[in-house]
Every structure is written in structure tokens, then in C-alpha cells.
Amino acid sequence: MRKRISDENAKEIAISALSHIASDDDRMGRFLSLTGLAPEDLRTAANNPGFFVAVLDYFMGYEPDLLEFAEKQKMDPQLIVDARQILAGPEEAW
């Protein structure tokens, strides 16, 4: 059985994921396109609880970026999936 990560850990993973997305212009452009956000809306959007779910959804939708991020963070990709589920809450089970 896998150890459950904390809510705080899940948010830290999502914040790191956003930083990873923002570190590459093409990746950031894709993220903005998929979410419909404009760059100037990011700060406001980050206050919405669903924003970090969307950040992690970005990785769920494109495995090469998921694996690259996991490798750079030296973490099991499953932790990113787990973080997404924790942030989404129990009502949104996969």
C-alpha cells in the first residue's frame, strides 16, 4: 500500500509543477492555451482552489512532460497523480 501524501505536500508538488511549466515558453504557451488563461490572469487564478488541479491536469494530458517533471524532481510520477487526486478532492475520483 502506498503512503498517502499530505494536502500540503500535494500543493507543494503543484507549485513546483507550475514553476516547471513556466520555465519553458512553449510549455507555458500550451498550458495557457489549454486553460484559456492569459498570462496576466495567472496570479488571480492561483487563488482559485481548482487552479492547481488544472496545473496537474496539464501533466496528466501529456506524459512526456509528466515524466520530465518527475525526473527533474526525483519523484515517482505516481506522486504527481496522487497530488492531483488529493487537490481535486474525494468527489472527483478517477
PDB file of N, CA and C in Angstrom:
ATOM      1  N   MET A   1       0.846  -1.185   0.000  1.00  0.00           N
ATOM      2  CA  MET A   1       0.000   0.000   0.000  1.00  0.00           C
ATOM      3  C   MET A   1       0.890   1.247   0.000  1.00  0.00           C
ATOM      4  N   ARG A   2       0.552   2.208  -0.854  1.00  0.00           N
ATOM      5  CA  ARG A   2       1.310   3.453  -0.933  1.00  0.00           C
ATOM      6  C   ARG A   2       0.953   4.362   0.231  1.00  0.00           C
ATOM      7  N   LYS A   3       1.932   5.122   0.677  1.00  0.00           N
ATOM      8  CA  LYS A   3       1.701   6.112   1.719  1.00  0.00           C
ATOM      9  C   LYS A   3       1.008   7.318   1.098  1.00  0.00           C
ATOM     10  N   ARG A   4      -0.022   7.797   1.754  1.00  0.00           N
ATOM     11  CA  ARG A   4      -0.760   8.966   1.278  1.00  0.00           C
ATOM     12  C   ARG A   4       0.057  10.228   1.559  1.00  0.00           C
ATOM     13  N   ILE A   5       0.126  11.103   0.565  1.00  0.00           N
ATOM     14  CA  ILE A   5       0.819  12.373   0.782  1.00  0.00           C
ATOM     15  C   ILE A   5      -0.158  13.362   1.396  1.00  0.00           C
ATOM     16  N   SER A   6       0.371  14.345   2.093  1.00  0.00           N
ATOM     17  CA  SER A   6      -0.465  15.341   2.772  1.00  0.00           C
ATOM     18  C   SER A   6      -1.020  16.351   1.768  1.00  0.00           C
ATOM     19  N   ASP A   7      -2.052  17.062   2.196  1.00  0.00           N
ATOM     20  CA  ASP A   7      -2.609  18.130   1.368  1.00  0.00           C
ATOM     21  C   ASP A   7      -1.540  19.183   1.076  1.00  0.00           C
ATOM     22  N   GLU A   8      -0.737  19.505   2.076  1.00  0.00           N
ATOM     23  CA  GLU A   8       0.317  20.499   1.907  1.00  0.00           C
ATOM     24  C   GLU A   8       1.362  20.012   0.902  1.00  0.00           C
ATOM     25  N   ASN A   9       1.720  18.743   0.997  1.00  0.00           N
ATOM     26  CA  ASN A   9       2.658  18.146   0.040  1.00  0.00           C
ATOM     27  C   ASN A   9       2.098  18.200  -1.376  1.00  0.00           C
ATOM     28  N   ALA A  10       0.810  17.923  -1.508  1.00  0.00           N
ATOM     29  CA  ALA A  10       0.160  17.952  -2.819  1.00  0.00           C
ATOM     30  C   ALA A  10       0.238  19.352  -3.420  1.00  0.00           C
ATOM     31  N   LYS A  11       0.002  20.369  -2.585  1.00  0.00           N
ATOM     32  CA  LYS A  11       0.064  21.747  -3.082  1.00  0.00           C
ATOM     33  C   LYS A  11       1.502  22.121  -3.448  1.00  0.00           C
ATOM     34  N   GLU A  12       2.470  21.663  -2.674  1.00  0.00           N
ATOM     35  CA  GLU A  12       3.872  21.929  -2.991  1.00  0.00           C
ATOM     36  C   GLU A  12       4.255  21.311  -4.334  1.00  0.00           C
ATOM     37  N   ILE A  13       3.759  20.117  -4.598  1.00  0.00           N
ATOM     38  CA  ILE A  13       4.023  19.476  -5.893  1.00  0.00           C
ATOM     39  C   ILE A  13       3.418  20.309  -7.018  1.00  0.00           C
ATOM     40  N   ALA A  14       2.201  20.789  -6.813  1.00  0.00           N
ATOM     41  CA  ALA A  14       1.534  21.596  -7.843  1.00  0.00           C
ATOM     42  C   ALA A  14       2.264  22.918  -8.081  1.00  0.00           C
ATOM     43  N   ILE A  15       2.762  23.531  -7.018  1.00  0.00           N
ATOM     44  CA  ILE A  15       3.515  24.783  -7.172  1.00  0.00           C
ATOM     45  C   ILE A  15       4.811  24.524  -7.948  1.00  0.00           C
ATOM     46  N   SER A  16       5.485  23.431  -7.622  1.00  0.00           N
ATOM     47  CA  SER A  16       6.695  23.060  -8.369  1.00  0.00           C
ATOM     48  C   SER A  16       6.361  22.766  -9.824  1.00  0.00           C
ATOM     49  N   ALA A  17       5.221  22.141 -10.044  1.00  0.00           N
ATOM     50  CA  ALA A  17       4.784  21.828 -11.405  1.00  0.00           C
ATOM     51  C   ALA A  17       4.542  23.112 -12.197  1.00  0.00           C
ATOM     52  N   LEU A  18       3.921  24.100 -11.570  1.00  0.00           N
ATOM     53  CA  LEU A  18       3.688  25.374 -12.249  1.00  0.00           C
ATOM     54  C   LEU A  18       5.016  26.045 -12.591  1.00  0.00           C
ATOM     55  N   SER A  19       5.955  25.990 -11.690  1.00  0.00           N
ATOM     56  CA  SER A  19       7.281  26.551 -11.942  1.00  0.00           C
ATOM     57  C   SER A  19       7.946  25.843 -13.125  1.00  0.00           C
ATOM     58  N   HIS A  20       7.778  24.530 -13.184  1.00  0.00           N
ATOM     59  CA  HIS A  20       8.334  23.753 -14.303  1.00  0.00           C
ATOM     60  C   HIS A  20       7.682  24.167 -15.620  1.00  0.00           C
ATOM     61  N   ILE A  21       6.383  24.340 -15.610  1.00  0.00           N
ATOM     62  CA  ILE A  21       5.669  24.778 -16.812  1.00  0.00           C
ATOM     63  C   ILE A  21       6.182  26.148 -17.246  1.00  0.00           C
ATOM     64  N   ALA A  22       6.308  27.060 -16.282  1.00  0.00           N
ATOM     65  CA  ALA A  22       6.708  28.436 -16.585  1.00  0.00           C
ATOM     66  C   ALA A  22       8.155  28.547 -17.047  1.00  0.00           C
ATOM     67  N   SER A  23       8.959  27.510 -16.808  1.00  0.00           N
ATOM     68  CA  SER A  23      10.375  27.571 -17.176  1.00  0.00           C
ATOM     69  C   SER A  23      10.624  27.389 -18.669  1.00  0.00           C
ATOM     70  N   ASP A  24       9.577  27.072 -19.418  1.00  0.00           N
ATOM     71  CA  ASP A  24       9.720  26.837 -20.856  1.00  0.00           C
ATOM     72  C   ASP A  24       8.594  27.561 -21.588  1.00  0.00           C
ATOM     73  N   ASP A  25       8.949  28.441 -22.499  1.00  0.00           N
ATOM     74  CA  ASP A  25       7.944  29.255 -23.198  1.00  0.00           C
ATOM     75  C   ASP A  25       6.926  28.411 -23.957  1.00  0.00           C
ATOM     76  N   ASP A  26       7.381  27.369 -24.642  1.00  0.00           N
ATOM     77  CA  ASP A  26       6.453  26.519 -25.401  1.00  0.00           C
ATOM     78  C   ASP A  26       5.477  25.802 -24.467  1.00  0.00           C
ATOM     79  N   ARG A  27       6.020  25.284 -23.370  1.00  0.00           N
ATOM     80  CA  ARG A  27       5.177  24.570 -22.404  1.00  0.00           C
ATOM     81  C   ARG A  27       4.162  25.536 -21.789  1.00  0.00           C
ATOM     82  N   MET A  28       4.634  26.743 -21.457  1.00  0.00           N
ATOM     83  CA  MET A  28       3.744  27.736 -20.859  1.00  0.00           C
ATOM     84  C   MET A  28       2.661  28.143 -21.855  1.00  0.00           C
ATOM     85  N   GLY A  29       3.036  28.306 -23.108  1.00  0.00           N
ATOM     86  CA  GLY A  29       2.054  28.636 -24.138  1.00  0.00           C
ATOM     87  C   GLY A  29       0.996  27.553 -24.266  1.00  0.00           C
ATOM     88  N   ARG A  30       1.429  26.313 -24.219  1.00  0.00           N
ATOM     89  CA  ARG A  30       0.481  25.194 -24.296  1.00  0.00           C
ATOM     90  C   ARG A  30      -0.447  25.197 -23.089  1.00  0.00           C
ATOM     91  N   PHE A  31       0.110  25.409 -21.896  1.00  0.00           N
ATOM     92  CA  PHE A  31      -0.697  25.452 -20.673  1.00  0.00           C
ATOM     93  C   PHE A  31      -1.743  26.564 -20.759  1.00  0.00           C
ATOM     94  N   LEU A  32      -1.324  27.752 -21.169  1.00  0.00           N
ATOM     95  CA  LEU A  32      -2.259  28.874 -21.279  1.00  0.00           C
ATOM     96  C   LEU A  32      -3.341  28.580 -22.309  1.00  0.00           C
ATOM     97  N   SER A  33      -2.952  27.977 -23.410  1.00  0.00           N
ATOM     98  CA  SER A  33      -3.913  27.630 -24.448  1.00  0.00           C
ATOM     99  C   SER A  33      -4.942  26.614 -23.936  1.00  0.00           C
ATOM    100  N   LEU A  34      -4.459  25.608 -23.230  1.00  0.00           N
ATOM    101  CA  LEU A  34      -5.366  24.568 -22.718  1.00  0.00           C
ATOM    102  C   LEU A  34      -6.307  25.089 -21.632  1.00  0.00           C
ATOM    103  N   THR A  35      -5.816  26.009 -20.806  1.00  0.00           N
ATOM    104  CA  THR A  35      -6.641  26.511 -19.700  1.00  0.00           C
ATOM    105  C   THR A  35      -7.485  27.718 -20.100  1.00  0.00           C
ATOM    106  N   GLY A  36      -7.120  28.367 -21.211  1.00  0.00           N
ATOM    107  CA  GLY A  36      -7.838  29.566 -21.613  1.00  0.00           C
ATOM    108  C   GLY A  36      -7.443  30.797 -20.810  1.00  0.00           C
ATOM    109  N   LEU A  37      -6.386  30.679 -20.027  1.00  0.00           N
ATOM    110  CA  LEU A  37      -5.917  31.811 -19.225  1.00  0.00           C
ATOM    111  C   LEU A  37      -4.979  32.688 -20.034  1.00  0.00           C
ATOM    112  N   ALA A  38      -4.933  33.952 -19.665  1.00  0.00           N
ATOM    113  CA  ALA A  38      -3.943  34.872 -20.206  1.00  0.00           C
ATOM    114  C   ALA A  38      -2.844  34.999 -19.148  1.00  0.00           C
ATOM    115  N   PRO A  39      -1.627  35.322 -19.560  1.00  0.00           N
ATOM    116  CA  PRO A  39      -0.535  35.419 -18.588  1.00  0.00           C
ATOM    117  C   PRO A  39      -0.866  36.336 -17.402  1.00  0.00           C
ATOM    118  N   GLU A  40      -1.554  37.420 -17.682  1.00  0.00           N
ATOM    119  CA  GLU A  40      -1.878  38.367 -16.609  1.00  0.00           C
ATOM    120  C   GLU A  40      -2.940  37.832 -15.638  1.00  0.00           C
ATOM    121  N   ASP A  41      -3.596  36.727 -16.007  1.00  0.00           N
ATOM    122  CA  ASP A  41      -4.621  36.132 -15.143  1.00  0.00           C
ATOM    123  C   ASP A  41      -4.074  35.083 -14.179  1.00  0.00           C
ATOM    124  N   LEU A  42      -2.811  34.707 -14.350  1.00  0.00           N
ATOM    125  CA  LEU A  42      -2.263  33.609 -13.553  1.00  0.00           C
ATOM    126  C   LEU A  42      -2.286  33.880 -12.057  1.00  0.00           C
ATOM    127  N   ARG A  43      -1.895  35.061 -11.652  1.00  0.00           N
ATOM    128  CA  ARG A  43      -1.843  35.379 -10.221  1.00  0.00           C
ATOM    129  C   ARG A  43      -3.232  35.279  -9.592  1.00  0.00           C
ATOM    130  N   THR A  44      -4.225  35.800 -10.262  1.00  0.00           N
ATOM    131  CA  THR A  44      -5.601  35.720  -9.759  1.00  0.00           C
ATOM    132  C   THR A  44      -6.099  34.278  -9.775  1.00  0.00           C
ATOM    133  N   ALA A  45      -5.812  33.570 -10.848  1.00  0.00           N
ATOM    134  CA  ALA A  45      -6.261  32.183 -10.975  1.00  0.00           C
ATOM    135  C   ALA A  45      -5.665  31.302  -9.890  1.00  0.00           C
ATOM    136  N   ALA A  46      -4.439  31.602  -9.475  1.00  0.00           N
ATOM    137  CA  ALA A  46      -3.767  30.789  -8.453  1.00  0.00           C
ATOM    138  C   ALA A  46      -4.496  30.826  -7.116  1.00  0.00           C
ATOM    139  N   ASN A  47      -5.367  31.805  -6.922  1.00  0.00           N
ATOM    140  CA  ASN A  47      -6.162  31.877  -5.686  1.00  0.00           C
ATOM    141  C   ASN A  47      -7.385  30.977  -5.731  1.00  0.00           C
ATOM    142  N   ASN A  48      -7.687  30.444  -6.913  1.00  0.00           N
ATOM    143  CA  ASN A  48      -8.820  29.535  -7.076  1.00  0.00           C
ATOM    144  C   ASN A  48      -8.354  28.119  -6.754  1.00  0.00           C
ATOM    145  N   PRO A  49      -9.047  27.422  -5.850  1.00  0.00           N
ATOM    146  CA  PRO A  49      -8.603  26.073  -5.480  1.00  0.00           C
ATOM    147  C   PRO A  49      -8.476  25.118  -6.668  1.00  0.00           C
ATOM    148  N   GLY A  50      -9.252  25.278  -7.687  1.00  0.00           N
ATOM    149  CA  GLY A  50      -9.194  24.406  -8.846  1.00  0.00           C
ATOM    150  C   GLY A  50      -7.999  24.664  -9.753  1.00  0.00           C
ATOM    151  N   PHE A  51      -7.324  25.771  -9.554  1.00  0.00           N
ATOM    152  CA  PHE A  51      -6.198  26.122 -10.416  1.00  0.00           C
ATOM    153  C   PHE A  51      -5.092  25.071 -10.356  1.00  0.00           C
ATOM    154  N   PHE A  52      -4.739  24.644  -9.155  1.00  0.00           N
ATOM    155  CA  PHE A  52      -3.642  23.690  -9.032  1.00  0.00           C
ATOM    156  C   PHE A  52      -4.023  22.310  -9.559  1.00  0.00           C
ATOM    157  N   VAL A  53      -5.312  22.001  -9.545  1.00  0.00           N
ATOM    158  CA  VAL A  53      -5.782  20.771 -10.192  1.00  0.00           C
ATOM    159  C   VAL A  53      -5.524  20.898 -11.700  1.00  0.00           C
ATOM    160  N   ALA A  54      -5.826  22.079 -12.259  1.00  0.00           N
ATOM    161  CA  ALA A  54      -5.592  22.306 -13.692  1.00  0.00           C
ATOM    162  C   ALA A  54      -4.107  22.211 -14.033  1.00  0.00           C
ATOM    163  N   VAL A  55      -3.255  22.704 -13.133  1.00  0.00           N
ATOM    164  CA  VAL A  55      -1.805  22.606 -13.354  1.00  0.00           C
ATOM    165  C   VAL A  55      -1.409  21.139 -13.477  1.00  0.00           C
ATOM    166  N   LEU A  56      -1.888  20.309 -12.560  1.00  0.00           N
ATOM    167  CA  LEU A  56      -1.528  18.898 -12.596  1.00  0.00           C
ATOM    168  C   LEU A  56      -2.248  18.156 -13.721  1.00  0.00           C
ATOM    169  N   ASP A  57      -3.429  18.623 -14.091  1.00  0.00           N
ATOM    170  CA  ASP A  57      -4.123  18.049 -15.253  1.00  0.00           C
ATOM    171  C   ASP A  57      -3.287  18.217 -16.520  1.00  0.00           C
ATOM    172  N   TYR A  58      -2.571  19.320 -16.597  1.00  0.00           N
ATOM    173  CA  TYR A  58      -1.690  19.547 -17.743  1.00  0.00           C
ATOM    174  C   TYR A  58      -0.751  18.349 -17.913  1.00  0.00           C
ATOM    175  N   PHE A  59      -0.194  17.872 -16.826  1.00  0.00           N
ATOM    176  CA  PHE A  59       0.732  16.739 -16.884  1.00  0.00           C
ATOM    177  C   PHE A  59       0.010  15.426 -17.156  1.00  0.00           C
ATOM    178  N   MET A  60      -1.199  15.302 -16.674  1.00  0.00           N
ATOM    179  CA  MET A  60      -1.962  14.081 -16.926  1.00  0.00           C
ATOM    180  C   MET A  60      -2.284  13.950 -18.415  1.00  0.00           C
ATOM    181  N   GLY A  61      -2.355  15.086 -19.098  1.00  0.00           N
ATOM    182  CA  GLY A  61      -2.701  15.089 -20.508  1.00  0.00           C
ATOM    183  C   GLY A  61      -1.517  14.939 -21.450  1.00  0.00           C
ATOM    184  N   TYR A  62      -0.295  14.982 -20.912  1.00  0.00           N
ATOM    185  CA  TYR A  62       0.870  14.892 -21.795  1.00  0.00           C
ATOM    186  C   TYR A  62       2.007  14.201 -21.047  1.00  0.00           C
ATOM    187  N   GLU A  63       2.070  12.896 -21.234  1.00  0.00           N
ATOM    188  CA  GLU A  63       3.003  12.064 -20.475  1.00  0.00           C
ATOM    189  C   GLU A  63       4.472  12.478 -20.586  1.00  0.00           C
ATOM    190  N   PRO A  64       4.962  12.911 -21.761  1.00  0.00           N
ATOM    191  CA  PRO A  64       6.376  13.315 -21.806  1.00  0.00           C
ATOM    192  C   PRO A  64       6.709  14.422 -20.800  1.00  0.00           C
ATOM    193  N   ASP A  65       5.827  15.399 -20.642  1.00  0.00           N
ATOM    194  CA  ASP A  65       6.070  16.454 -19.657  1.00  0.00           C
ATOM    195  C   ASP A  65       5.948  15.910 -18.236  1.00  0.00           C
ATOM    196  N   LEU A  66       5.010  15.011 -18.000  1.00  0.00           N
ATOM    197  CA  LEU A  66       4.863  14.376 -16.687  1.00  0.00           C
ATOM    198  C   LEU A  66       6.160  13.677 -16.301  1.00  0.00           C
ATOM    199  N   LEU A  67       6.691  12.880 -17.209  1.00  0.00           N
ATOM    200  CA  LEU A  67       7.903  12.120 -16.913  1.00  0.00           C
ATOM    201  C   LEU A  67       9.118  13.027 -16.754  1.00  0.00           C
ATOM    202  N   GLU A  68       9.201  14.076 -17.564  1.00  0.00           N
ATOM    203  CA  GLU A  68      10.309  15.024 -17.449  1.00  0.00           C
ATOM    204  C   GLU A  68      10.264  15.740 -16.095  1.00  0.00           C
ATOM    205  N   PHE A  69       9.083  16.202 -15.714  1.00  0.00           N
ATOM    206  CA  PHE A  69       8.938  16.886 -14.423  1.00  0.00           C
ATOM    207  C   PHE A  69       9.275  15.934 -13.278  1.00  0.00           C
ATOM    208  N   ALA A  70       8.759  14.726 -13.325  1.00  0.00           N
ATOM    209  CA  ALA A  70       9.025  13.750 -12.258  1.00  0.00           C
ATOM    210  C   ALA A  70      10.520  13.475 -12.148  1.00  0.00           C
ATOM    211  N   GLU A  71      11.172  13.334 -13.282  1.00  0.00           N
ATOM    212  CA  GLU A  71      12.611  13.073 -13.267  1.00  0.00           C
ATOM    213  C   GLU A  71      13.381  14.241 -12.656  1.00  0.00           C
ATOM    214  N   LYS A  72      13.036  15.462 -13.058  1.00  0.00           N
ATOM    215  CA  LYS A  72      13.724  16.644 -12.516  1.00  0.00           C
ATOM    216  C   LYS A  72      13.495  16.784 -11.018  1.00  0.00           C
ATOM    217  N   GLN A  73      12.321  16.371 -10.561  1.00  0.00           N
ATOM    218  CA  GLN A  73      12.004  16.469  -9.131  1.00  0.00           C
ATOM    219  C   GLN A  73      12.472  15.236  -8.356  1.00  0.00           C
ATOM    220  N   LYS A  74      12.971  14.244  -9.100  1.00  0.00           N
ATOM    221  CA  LYS A  74      13.402  12.980  -8.497  1.00  0.00           C
ATOM    222  C   LYS A  74      12.276  12.352  -7.673  1.00  0.00           C
ATOM    223  N   MET A  75      11.106  12.270  -8.329  1.00  0.00           N
ATOM    224  CA  MET A  75       9.946  11.674  -7.676  1.00  0.00           C
ATOM    225  C   MET A  75       9.260  10.691  -8.604  1.00  0.00           C
ATOM    226  N   ASP A  76       8.572   9.771  -8.008  1.00  0.00           N
ATOM    227  CA  ASP A  76       7.773   8.802  -8.748  1.00  0.00           C
ATOM    228  C   ASP A  76       6.631   9.567  -9.422  1.00  0.00           C
ATOM    229  N   PRO A  77       6.405   9.380 -10.721  1.00  0.00           N
ATOM    230  CA  PRO A  77       5.303  10.073 -11.392  1.00  0.00           C
ATOM    231  C   PRO A  77       3.947   9.832 -10.705  1.00  0.00           C
ATOM    232  N   GLN A  78       3.800   8.705 -10.040  1.00  0.00           N
ATOM    233  CA  GLN A  78       2.543   8.411  -9.348  1.00  0.00           C
ATOM    234  C   GLN A  78       2.256   9.441  -8.259  1.00  0.00           C
ATOM    235  N   LEU A  79       3.292  10.040  -7.671  1.00  0.00           N
ATOM    236  CA  LEU A  79       3.077  11.077  -6.653  1.00  0.00           C
ATOM    237  C   LEU A  79       2.368  12.297  -7.251  1.00  0.00           C
ATOM    238  N   ILE A  80       2.662  12.586  -8.504  1.00  0.00           N
ATOM    239  CA  ILE A  80       2.015  13.716  -9.181  1.00  0.00           C
ATOM    240  C   ILE A  80       0.540  13.388  -9.405  1.00  0.00           C
ATOM    241  N   VAL A  81       0.266  12.162  -9.801  1.00  0.00           N
ATOM    242  CA  VAL A  81      -1.118  11.711  -9.965  1.00  0.00           C
ATOM    243  C   VAL A  81      -1.837  11.763  -8.614  1.00  0.00           C
ATOM    244  N   ASP A  82      -1.179  11.287  -7.571  1.00  0.00           N
ATOM    245  CA  ASP A  82      -1.769  11.304  -6.227  1.00  0.00           C
ATOM    246  C   ASP A  82      -2.054  12.736  -5.770  1.00  0.00           C
ATOM    247  N   ALA A  83      -1.103  13.641  -6.039  1.00  0.00           N
ATOM    248  CA  ALA A  83      -1.286  15.039  -5.652  1.00  0.00           C
ATOM    249  C   ALA A  83      -2.505  15.633  -6.350  1.00  0.00           C
ATOM    250  N   ARG A  84      -2.671  15.307  -7.605  1.00  0.00           N
ATOM    251  CA  ARG A  84      -3.823  15.805  -8.357  1.00  0.00           C
ATOM    252  C   ARG A  84      -5.127  15.317  -7.737  1.00  0.00           C
ATOM    253  N   GLN A  85      -5.174  14.042  -7.367  1.00  0.00           N
ATOM    254  CA  GLN A  85      -6.382  13.477  -6.769  1.00  0.00           C
ATOM    255  C   GLN A  85      -6.676  14.117  -5.411  1.00  0.00           C
ATOM    256  N   ILE A  86      -5.642  14.365  -4.619  1.00  0.00           N
ATOM    257  CA  ILE A  86      -5.840  14.998  -3.318  1.00  0.00           C
ATOM    258  C   ILE A  86      -6.376  16.410  -3.485  1.00  0.00           C
ATOM    259  N   LEU A  87      -5.800  17.169  -4.400  1.00  0.00           N
ATOM    260  CA  LEU A  87      -6.250  18.548  -4.611  1.00  0.00           C
ATOM    261  C   LEU A  87      -7.654  18.614  -5.195  1.00  0.00           C
ATOM    262  N   ALA A  88      -8.016  17.628  -6.005  1.00  0.00           N
ATOM    263  CA  ALA A  88      -9.350  17.606  -6.608  1.00  0.00           C
ATOM    264  C   ALA A  88     -10.417  17.241  -5.585  1.00  0.00           C
ATOM    265  N   GLY A  89     -10.032  16.498  -4.564  1.00  0.00           N
ATOM    266  CA  GLY A  89     -10.984  16.097  -3.530  1.00  0.00           C
ATOM    267  C   GLY A  89     -11.623  14.764  -3.830  1.00  0.00           C
ATOM    268  N   PRO A  90     -12.248  14.195  -2.807  1.00  0.00           N
ATOM    269  CA  PRO A  90     -12.808  12.845  -2.942  1.00  0.00           C
ATOM    270  C   PRO A  90     -13.983  12.744  -3.909  1.00  0.00           C
ATOM    271  N   GLU A  91     -14.658  13.853  -4.164  1.00  0.00           N
ATOM    272  CA  GLU A  91     -15.824  13.793  -5.068  1.00  0.00           C
ATOM    273  C   GLU A  91     -15.431  13.605  -6.519  1.00  0.00           C
ATOM    274  N   GLU A  92     -14.141  13.765  -6.820  1.00  0.00           N
ATOM    275  CA  GLU A  92     -13.687  13.607  -8.200  1.00  0.00           C
ATOM    276  C   GLU A  92     -12.683  12.462  -8.270  1.00  0.00           C
ATOM    277  N   ALA A  93     -13.156  11.258  -8.132  1.00  0.00           N
ATOM    278  CA  ALA A  93     -12.264  10.089  -8.209  1.00  0.00           C
ATOM    279  C   ALA A  93     -12.058   9.705  -9.663  1.00  0.00           C
ATOM    280  N   TRP A  94     -10.868   9.224  -9.966  1.00  0.00           N
ATOM    281  CA  TRP A  94     -10.567   8.794 -11.328  1.00  0.00           C
ATOM    282  C   TRP A  94     -10.959   7.395 -11.518  1.00  0.00           C
TER     283      TRP A  94
END
